[in-house]
């Protein structure tokens, strides 16, 4: 059956329906020595040799767990497509799509324990949603209504730290937090239900920045309970991975002495199993780990980008045949999942997309004084001075210049 996944230009919510099956001739994701993969591109269960050591973690997943992973991916794609449409309609200043990277994010987020701390970049929409962040708060950031979006210390947000637009810096934040866990004795006690760990998300482009390497130096030196989760989506805006590094990116972690595992980032089971094991080893005091999830950014870098300027339609089509949602759907169908289940997921996805559209349109604008809020935790004379200057300047505009 021919694959026809939705694109970001579609008005649909982008859900893979029964007609959207993966092709049986879909090429395998780029292999690397030791690549972990459970699901082949056609949805069949075909673990690689490297995957066998994680088999117990996958075998422990119930039908409900597996269906939940699919639901997470499908719902966030609907949200993602809707957010892209909202930006095109002028409701958002910018939108960074996660289209195509759902499996890497869902698997890793579901692998984290309740007490873990997650440090995203700015594309981990489903990670935030899984941990309890209301997605409208992500859109508030992209609309320019807030400096952060949510309170990371609020238990309702599941220890999810703020989006980071200065890419690479989140790895330093995560490593510093992990060092604090070591100093405070909040890891390495042997209690997996209480010991804390950290996972930080970054991309192939950020992996070439000095911040990431500095973070890895300190993580290795202090044996932080940390997982560096690299989503290699093949393009750092318009720069391909081959230009950035002649060697596989996961080997960069090995250079700092941390175990580094490559996995098929379009296989949600591989992402879950490897991340679960890596986090538990890190929290147990074994030091940091690095994961490279090889996936693909099907959409633009952000809505200000035009990927047709730097990559071919043939490349995009080859990755469409590895769609992570279609792959998981095929696997579930093979296990006996019903059409009623998929219809329920599609209905939920449409409802989430409709809800986010309505709430975004109701957000309104921003009070100018808000730009001075939360810059410092206490009153600051320079902020007071700038606030007064803006008020004076606005008066000249209202009354006309003399």
Protein backbone atom coordinates (compact mmCIF):
# COMPACT_ATOMS: atom_id res chain seq x y z
CA UNK A 1 0.00 0.00 0.00
CA UNK A 2 1.31 3.44 -0.86
CA UNK A 3 2.26 5.73 1.99
CA UNK A 4 0.53 9.10 2.06
CA UNK A 5 1.29 10.77 5.39
CA UNK A 6 -0.07 14.24 6.01
CA UNK A 7 2.24 17.19 5.50
CA UNK A 8 2.58 20.39 7.44
CA UNK A 9 0.68 22.21 4.73
CA UNK A 10 -2.40 20.10 5.35
CA UNK A 11 -5.38 21.48 7.23
CA UNK A 12 -5.91 18.01 8.67
CA UNK A 13 -4.62 17.08 12.08
CA UNK A 14 -2.01 14.80 10.55
CA UNK A 15 -3.16 11.50 12.00
CA UNK A 16 -2.06 8.28 10.33
CA UNK A 17 -5.28 6.53 9.32
CA UNK A 18 -5.88 3.00 8.15
CA UNK A 19 -4.92 4.03 4.61
CA UNK A 20 -1.62 5.41 5.85
CA UNK A 21 0.45 2.26 6.15
CA UNK A 22 4.18 2.09 5.80
CA UNK A 23 5.49 0.54 2.63
CA UNK A 24 7.11 -2.85 2.87
CA UNK A 25 10.07 -1.63 0.82
CA UNK A 26 10.88 1.24 3.17
CA UNK A 27 14.62 1.49 3.64
CA UNK A 28 16.03 0.95 7.09
CA UNK A 29 17.02 3.94 9.17
CA UNK A 30 20.71 4.80 8.89
CA UNK A 31 22.55 2.04 10.68
CA UNK A 32 25.45 2.44 13.03
CA UNK A 33 27.46 -0.20 14.84
CA UNK A 34 25.40 -1.27 17.82
CA UNK A 35 22.19 0.41 16.61
CA UNK A 36 19.22 -0.46 18.82
CA UNK A 37 15.99 -1.09 16.92
CA UNK A 38 12.96 -3.24 17.72
CA UNK A 39 10.50 -2.20 15.02
CA UNK A 40 11.44 -2.37 11.36
CA UNK A 41 10.09 0.39 9.10
CA UNK A 42 7.20 -1.88 8.04
CA UNK A 43 6.14 -2.29 11.68
CA UNK A 44 7.34 -5.85 12.12
CA UNK A 45 9.06 -6.79 15.36
CA UNK A 46 12.66 -7.41 14.30
CA UNK A 47 15.13 -6.57 17.09
CA UNK A 48 18.71 -5.90 16.08
CA UNK A 49 21.47 -7.74 17.90
CA UNK A 50 22.13 -4.64 20.00
CA UNK A 51 18.46 -4.50 21.02
CA UNK A 52 18.42 -7.92 22.65
CA UNK A 53 19.94 -6.66 25.90
CA UNK A 54 16.91 -4.34 26.29
CA UNK A 55 14.36 -6.99 25.36
CA UNK A 56 13.09 -7.44 28.92
CA UNK A 57 12.07 -3.78 29.10
CA UNK A 58 10.00 -4.04 25.93
CA UNK A 59 8.51 -7.40 26.87
CA UNK A 60 7.35 -5.81 30.12
CA UNK A 61 5.12 -3.34 28.30
CA UNK A 62 1.41 -4.20 28.34
CA UNK A 63 -1.01 -3.70 25.45
CA UNK A 64 -2.26 -0.62 27.26
CA UNK A 65 1.29 0.73 27.53
CA UNK A 66 1.93 0.17 23.84
CA UNK A 67 -1.34 1.79 22.81
CA UNK A 68 -0.50 4.71 25.08
CA UNK A 69 2.77 5.28 23.24
CA UNK A 70 0.89 5.41 19.95
CA UNK A 71 -1.71 7.77 21.40
CA UNK A 72 0.98 10.13 22.66
CA UNK A 73 2.56 10.34 19.21
CA UNK A 74 -0.68 10.76 17.30
CA UNK A 75 -2.12 13.43 19.59
CA UNK A 76 1.02 15.55 19.59
CA UNK A 77 1.22 15.44 15.81
CA UNK A 78 -2.29 16.86 15.66
CA UNK A 79 -1.26 19.58 18.10
CA UNK A 80 1.90 20.25 16.10
CA UNK A 81 0.09 20.63 12.78
CA UNK A 82 -2.51 22.88 14.41
CA UNK A 83 0.21 25.07 15.94
CA UNK A 84 1.87 25.41 12.53
CA UNK A 85 -1.44 26.49 11.03
CA UNK A 86 -1.95 28.99 13.85
CA UNK A 87 1.42 30.55 13.12
CA UNK A 88 0.53 30.83 9.44
CA UNK A 89 -2.67 32.59 10.47
CA UNK A 90 -0.75 35.18 12.49
CA UNK A 91 -1.63 33.80 15.93
CA UNK A 92 1.98 32.85 16.81
CA UNK A 93 5.22 34.65 16.11
CA UNK A 94 7.09 31.40 15.47
CA UNK A 95 6.63 27.65 15.63
CA UNK A 96 9.28 24.89 15.72
CA UNK A 97 7.64 21.68 14.44
CA UNK A 98 8.42 18.30 15.97
CA UNK A 99 6.83 16.50 13.01
CA UNK A 100 8.64 13.18 12.47
CA UNK A 101 10.46 13.15 15.80
CA UNK A 102 7.56 11.87 17.90
CA UNK A 103 8.95 8.41 18.64
CA UNK A 104 12.26 9.64 20.05
CA UNK A 105 10.48 12.08 22.33
CA UNK A 106 7.59 9.90 23.48
CA UNK A 107 9.74 6.88 24.25
CA UNK A 108 12.29 8.85 26.24
CA UNK A 109 9.71 10.87 28.17
CA UNK A 110 7.75 7.76 29.14
CA UNK A 111 11.00 6.15 30.26
CA UNK A 112 11.62 8.85 32.86
CA UNK A 113 10.45 8.29 36.42
CA UNK A 114 8.22 10.75 38.27
CA UNK A 115 11.10 12.24 40.27
CA UNK A 116 13.33 12.84 37.24
CA UNK A 117 14.10 16.29 35.84
CA UNK A 118 13.74 17.00 32.13
CA UNK A 119 15.54 19.81 30.30
CA UNK A 120 14.10 20.40 26.80
CA UNK A 121 15.35 22.59 24.01
CA UNK A 122 12.36 24.12 22.16
CA UNK A 123 10.94 21.27 20.10
CA UNK A 124 10.01 18.75 22.80
CA UNK A 125 6.28 19.46 22.78
CA UNK A 126 5.18 15.95 23.64
CA UNK A 127 7.79 15.66 26.38
CA UNK A 128 6.26 18.67 28.10
CA UNK A 129 2.71 17.38 27.58
CA UNK A 130 3.52 13.93 28.96
CA UNK A 131 5.00 15.47 32.09
CA UNK A 132 1.89 17.58 32.72
CA UNK A 133 2.61 20.94 31.09
CA UNK A 134 -0.50 22.43 29.51
CA UNK A 135 0.41 22.81 25.79
CA UNK A 136 -1.19 26.26 25.73
CA UNK A 137 1.78 27.41 27.79
CA UNK A 138 4.10 26.37 24.97
CA UNK A 139 2.05 28.48 22.58
CA UNK A 140 2.14 31.40 24.98
CA UNK A 141 5.93 31.36 24.63
CA UNK A 142 5.73 31.29 20.84
CA UNK A 143 3.17 34.09 20.87
CA UNK A 144 5.52 36.28 22.90
CA UNK A 145 3.29 36.50 25.95
CA UNK A 146 5.72 35.08 28.50
CA UNK A 147 9.41 34.84 29.23
CA UNK A 148 9.16 31.17 30.23
CA UNK A 149 5.71 29.63 29.90
CA UNK A 150 5.37 27.66 33.12
CA UNK A 151 6.80 27.27 36.60
CA UNK A 152 9.27 24.34 36.67
CA UNK A 153 8.91 24.09 40.45
CA UNK A 154 5.15 23.53 40.21
CA UNK A 155 4.55 19.78 40.75
CA UNK A 156 1.85 19.86 38.09
CA UNK A 157 4.57 20.43 35.47
CA UNK A 158 6.42 17.22 36.29
CA UNK A 159 9.91 18.66 36.87
CA UNK A 160 9.92 19.96 33.30
CA UNK A 161 12.31 22.86 32.96
CA UNK A 162 11.75 25.73 30.56
CA UNK A 163 12.25 25.72 26.82
CA UNK A 164 15.69 26.99 25.82
CA UNK A 165 15.97 29.17 22.75
CA UNK A 166 19.71 29.72 23.25
CA UNK A 167 20.53 26.24 22.09
CA UNK A 168 23.19 24.25 23.88
CA UNK A 169 22.83 26.14 27.14
CA UNK A 170 20.27 23.65 28.42
CA UNK A 171 23.00 21.00 28.64
CA UNK A 172 24.91 23.24 31.05
CA UNK A 173 21.75 23.81 33.08
CA UNK A 174 21.11 20.07 33.25
CA UNK A 175 24.67 19.23 34.23
CA UNK A 176 24.67 21.88 36.93
CA UNK A 177 21.43 20.47 38.28
CA UNK A 178 22.86 16.96 38.14
CA UNK A 179 25.92 18.10 40.08
CA UNK A 180 23.55 19.45 42.71
CA UNK A 181 21.85 16.06 42.97
CA UNK A 182 25.26 14.50 43.60
CA UNK A 183 26.22 17.09 46.23
CA UNK A 184 22.87 16.73 47.99
CA UNK A 185 22.91 12.92 48.01
CA UNK A 186 19.71 12.69 45.97
CA UNK A 187 21.04 9.92 43.73
CA UNK A 188 23.14 6.80 43.99
CA UNK A 189 21.46 5.42 47.13
CA UNK A 190 20.10 2.35 45.37
CA UNK A 191 16.45 3.34 45.70
CA UNK A 192 15.15 3.60 42.13
CA UNK A 193 11.83 4.97 43.34
CA UNK A 194 13.46 7.93 45.09
CA UNK A 195 16.85 8.56 43.48
CA UNK A 196 16.66 11.35 40.93
CA UNK A 197 18.13 11.61 37.45
CA UNK A 198 18.31 14.23 34.71
CA UNK A 199 17.70 13.99 30.98
CA UNK A 200 18.59 16.81 28.61
CA UNK A 201 17.42 17.09 25.00
CA UNK A 202 19.49 18.67 22.24
CA UNK A 203 20.03 18.29 18.52
CA UNK A 204 22.80 17.48 16.09
CA UNK A 205 23.49 21.16 15.52
CA UNK A 206 23.80 21.90 19.22
CA UNK A 207 26.13 18.92 19.59
CA UNK A 208 28.77 20.96 17.73
CA UNK A 209 28.57 23.83 20.21
CA UNK A 210 31.06 24.35 22.99
CA UNK A 211 28.33 24.43 25.64
CA UNK A 212 27.53 20.76 25.05
CA UNK A 213 31.13 19.67 25.32
CA UNK A 214 31.70 21.73 28.46
CA UNK A 215 28.60 20.13 29.96
CA UNK A 216 29.89 16.67 29.13
CA UNK A 217 33.27 17.44 30.73
CA UNK A 218 31.68 18.39 34.05
CA UNK A 219 29.10 15.59 33.85
CA UNK A 220 31.82 13.00 33.43
CA UNK A 221 34.05 14.57 36.09
CA UNK A 222 31.31 14.71 38.72
CA UNK A 223 29.54 11.53 37.57
CA UNK A 224 26.20 13.28 37.34
CA UNK A 225 23.03 11.15 37.14
CA UNK A 226 22.39 12.44 33.65
CA UNK A 227 21.38 11.28 30.18
CA UNK A 228 22.37 13.38 27.19
CA UNK A 229 19.61 12.69 24.66
CA UNK A 230 20.68 13.77 21.20
CA UNK A 231 17.94 13.89 18.57
CA UNK A 232 19.87 13.66 15.32
CA UNK A 233 17.24 14.91 12.89
CA UNK A 234 19.88 15.11 10.13
CA UNK A 235 19.81 18.91 9.67
CA UNK A 236 21.10 21.80 11.80
CA UNK A 237 18.77 24.23 10.03
CA UNK A 238 20.42 23.95 6.57
CA UNK A 239 23.67 22.23 7.60
CA UNK A 240 23.68 18.43 7.15
CA UNK A 241 25.20 16.14 9.74
CA UNK A 242 27.92 15.03 7.32
CA UNK A 243 29.23 18.59 7.28
CA UNK A 244 29.32 18.78 11.06
CA UNK A 245 31.08 15.51 11.78
CA UNK A 246 32.75 12.75 9.75
CA UNK A 247 32.15 10.34 12.66
CA UNK A 248 28.86 9.23 14.26
CA UNK A 249 27.72 11.78 16.82
CA UNK A 250 27.24 9.24 19.61
CA UNK A 251 31.01 8.77 19.65
CA UNK A 252 31.38 12.26 21.06
CA UNK A 253 29.98 11.01 24.34
CA UNK A 254 32.42 8.13 24.29
CA UNK A 255 35.22 10.67 24.05
CA UNK A 256 34.30 11.86 27.54
CA UNK A 257 34.21 8.37 28.94
CA UNK A 258 30.45 7.92 29.08
CA UNK A 259 28.64 4.91 27.58
CA UNK A 260 26.98 6.05 24.35
CA UNK A 261 24.20 4.22 22.55
CA UNK A 262 22.85 4.80 19.02
CA UNK A 263 19.20 3.96 18.44
CA UNK A 264 16.59 4.20 15.71
CA UNK A 265 14.82 7.39 16.72
CA UNK A 266 11.74 6.47 14.69
CA UNK A 267 11.21 3.38 16.84
CA UNK A 268 9.38 4.36 20.02
CA UNK A 269 10.18 1.02 21.67
CA UNK A 270 13.92 1.49 21.19
CA UNK A 271 13.73 5.01 22.56
CA UNK A 272 11.82 3.85 25.62
CA UNK A 273 14.00 0.86 26.45
CA UNK A 274 17.39 2.48 25.98
CA UNK A 275 16.42 5.64 27.87
CA UNK A 276 14.88 3.68 30.74
CA UNK A 277 18.04 1.64 31.22
CA UNK A 278 20.32 4.66 30.83
CA UNK A 279 18.40 6.77 33.37
CA UNK A 280 18.35 3.97 35.93
CA UNK A 281 22.06 3.36 35.55
CA UNK A 282 22.78 7.06 35.89
CA UNK A 283 20.57 7.46 38.97
CA UNK A 284 22.27 4.45 40.56
CA UNK A 285 25.56 6.34 40.60
CA UNK A 286 27.15 4.86 37.47
CA UNK A 287 27.67 8.26 35.86
CA UNK A 288 26.24 9.99 32.78
CA UNK A 289 25.15 8.30 29.56
CA UNK A 290 24.72 9.57 26.01
CA UNK A 291 22.06 8.52 23.51
CA UNK A 292 21.89 9.37 19.82
CA UNK A 293 18.39 8.91 18.44
CA UNK A 294 18.60 8.93 14.65
CA UNK A 295 15.41 10.47 13.32
CA UNK A 296 14.33 13.11 10.81
CA UNK A 297 12.79 16.56 10.94
CA UNK A 298 9.99 16.19 8.40
CA UNK A 299 8.98 19.81 8.64
CA UNK A 300 10.90 23.05 8.60
CA UNK A 301 13.43 23.99 11.27
CA UNK A 302 10.89 26.62 12.30
CA UNK A 303 8.10 28.35 10.41
CA UNK A 304 10.66 30.97 9.28
CA UNK A 305 12.58 28.29 7.38
CA UNK A 306 12.11 26.82 3.89
CA UNK A 307 13.67 23.32 3.79
CA UNK A 308 13.11 23.02 0.03
CA UNK A 309 16.10 25.35 -0.37
CA UNK A 310 18.54 22.81 0.98
CA UNK A 311 17.15 19.25 0.81
CA UNK A 312 15.55 17.14 -1.87
CA UNK A 313 12.04 15.78 -2.12
CA UNK A 314 13.57 12.32 -2.64
CA UNK A 315 15.26 12.53 0.74
CA UNK A 316 12.05 13.63 2.41
CA UNK A 317 10.08 10.84 0.77
CA UNK A 318 12.58 8.21 1.88
CA UNK A 319 12.02 9.30 5.47
CA UNK A 320 8.25 9.48 5.09
CA UNK A 321 8.39 5.73 4.51
CA UNK A 322 9.93 5.42 7.99
CA UNK A 323 7.16 7.45 9.67
CA UNK A 324 7.25 6.58 13.40
CA UNK A 325 3.48 6.73 13.84
CA UNK A 326 2.70 4.56 10.82
CA UNK A 327 5.35 2.10 12.02
CA UNK A 328 3.78 1.79 15.46
CA UNK A 329 0.30 1.55 13.98
CA UNK A 330 1.35 -1.39 11.83
CA UNK A 331 2.90 -3.08 14.84
CA UNK A 332 -0.25 -2.63 16.93
CA UNK A 333 -2.45 -3.94 14.13
CA UNK A 334 -0.27 -7.03 14.03
CA UNK A 335 -0.88 -7.48 17.76
CA UNK A 336 -4.64 -7.24 17.31
CA UNK A 337 -5.41 -3.58 17.97
CA UNK A 338 -8.90 -2.69 16.79
CA UNK A 339 -10.08 -0.01 14.40
CA UNK A 340 -12.18 1.29 17.28
CA UNK A 341 -8.99 2.09 19.18
CA UNK A 342 -7.52 4.03 16.26
CA UNK A 343 -10.80 5.87 15.73
CA UNK A 344 -10.77 6.89 19.39
CA UNK A 345 -7.20 8.20 19.07
CA UNK A 346 -8.11 10.16 15.97
CA UNK A 347 -11.11 11.68 17.74
CA UNK A 348 -8.97 12.67 20.73
CA UNK A 349 -6.35 14.16 18.42
CA UNK A 350 -8.94 16.25 16.61
CA UNK A 351 -10.38 17.42 19.93
CA UNK A 352 -6.94 18.46 21.21
CA UNK A 353 -6.26 20.35 17.99
CA UNK A 354 -9.63 22.12 18.17
CA UNK A 355 -9.14 22.98 21.83
CA UNK A 356 -5.71 24.48 21.27
CA UNK A 357 -6.99 26.57 18.36
CA UNK A 358 -9.84 27.99 20.43
CA UNK A 359 -7.67 28.75 23.44
CA UNK A 360 -4.93 30.33 21.35
CA UNK A 361 -7.40 32.67 19.71
CA UNK A 362 -8.55 33.71 23.17
CA UNK A 363 -5.08 34.56 24.50
CA UNK A 364 -5.15 38.21 23.49
CA UNK A 365 -2.16 40.52 23.63
CA UNK A 366 0.48 41.52 26.13
CA UNK A 367 0.55 44.36 28.59
CA UNK A 368 3.72 46.31 27.87
CA UNK A 369 4.69 46.40 31.53
CA UNK A 370 4.96 42.61 31.52
CA UNK A 371 8.34 42.76 29.77
CA UNK A 372 9.81 44.03 33.03
CA UNK A 373 8.32 41.30 35.18
CA UNK A 374 10.47 38.37 36.36
CA UNK A 375 13.72 39.81 34.98
CA UNK A 376 15.04 39.88 38.54
CA UNK A 377 13.62 38.13 41.59
CA UNK A 378 13.67 41.40 43.58
CA UNK A 379 13.10 45.06 42.63
CA UNK A 380 16.00 46.51 40.66
CA UNK A 381 16.71 50.22 40.05
CA UNK A 382 17.63 49.74 36.38
CA UNK A 383 14.35 47.96 35.70
CA UNK A 384 12.45 50.75 37.46
CA UNK A 385 14.31 53.27 35.33
CA UNK A 386 13.50 51.45 32.11
CA UNK A 387 9.85 51.05 33.08
CA UNK A 388 9.57 54.78 33.73
CA UNK A 389 11.28 55.59 30.43
CA UNK A 390 8.85 53.44 28.47
CA UNK A 391 5.85 55.05 30.16
CA UNK A 392 7.23 58.50 29.32
CA UNK A 393 7.90 57.50 25.74
CA UNK A 394 4.39 56.11 25.32
CA UNK A 395 2.95 59.42 26.53
CA UNK A 396 4.76 61.27 23.75
CA UNK A 397 3.19 58.94 21.22
CA UNK A 398 -0.30 59.38 22.66
CA UNK A 399 -0.09 63.17 22.95
CA UNK A 400 2.06 63.85 19.93
CA UNK A 401 5.63 65.09 19.94
CA UNK A 402 6.24 68.74 20.81
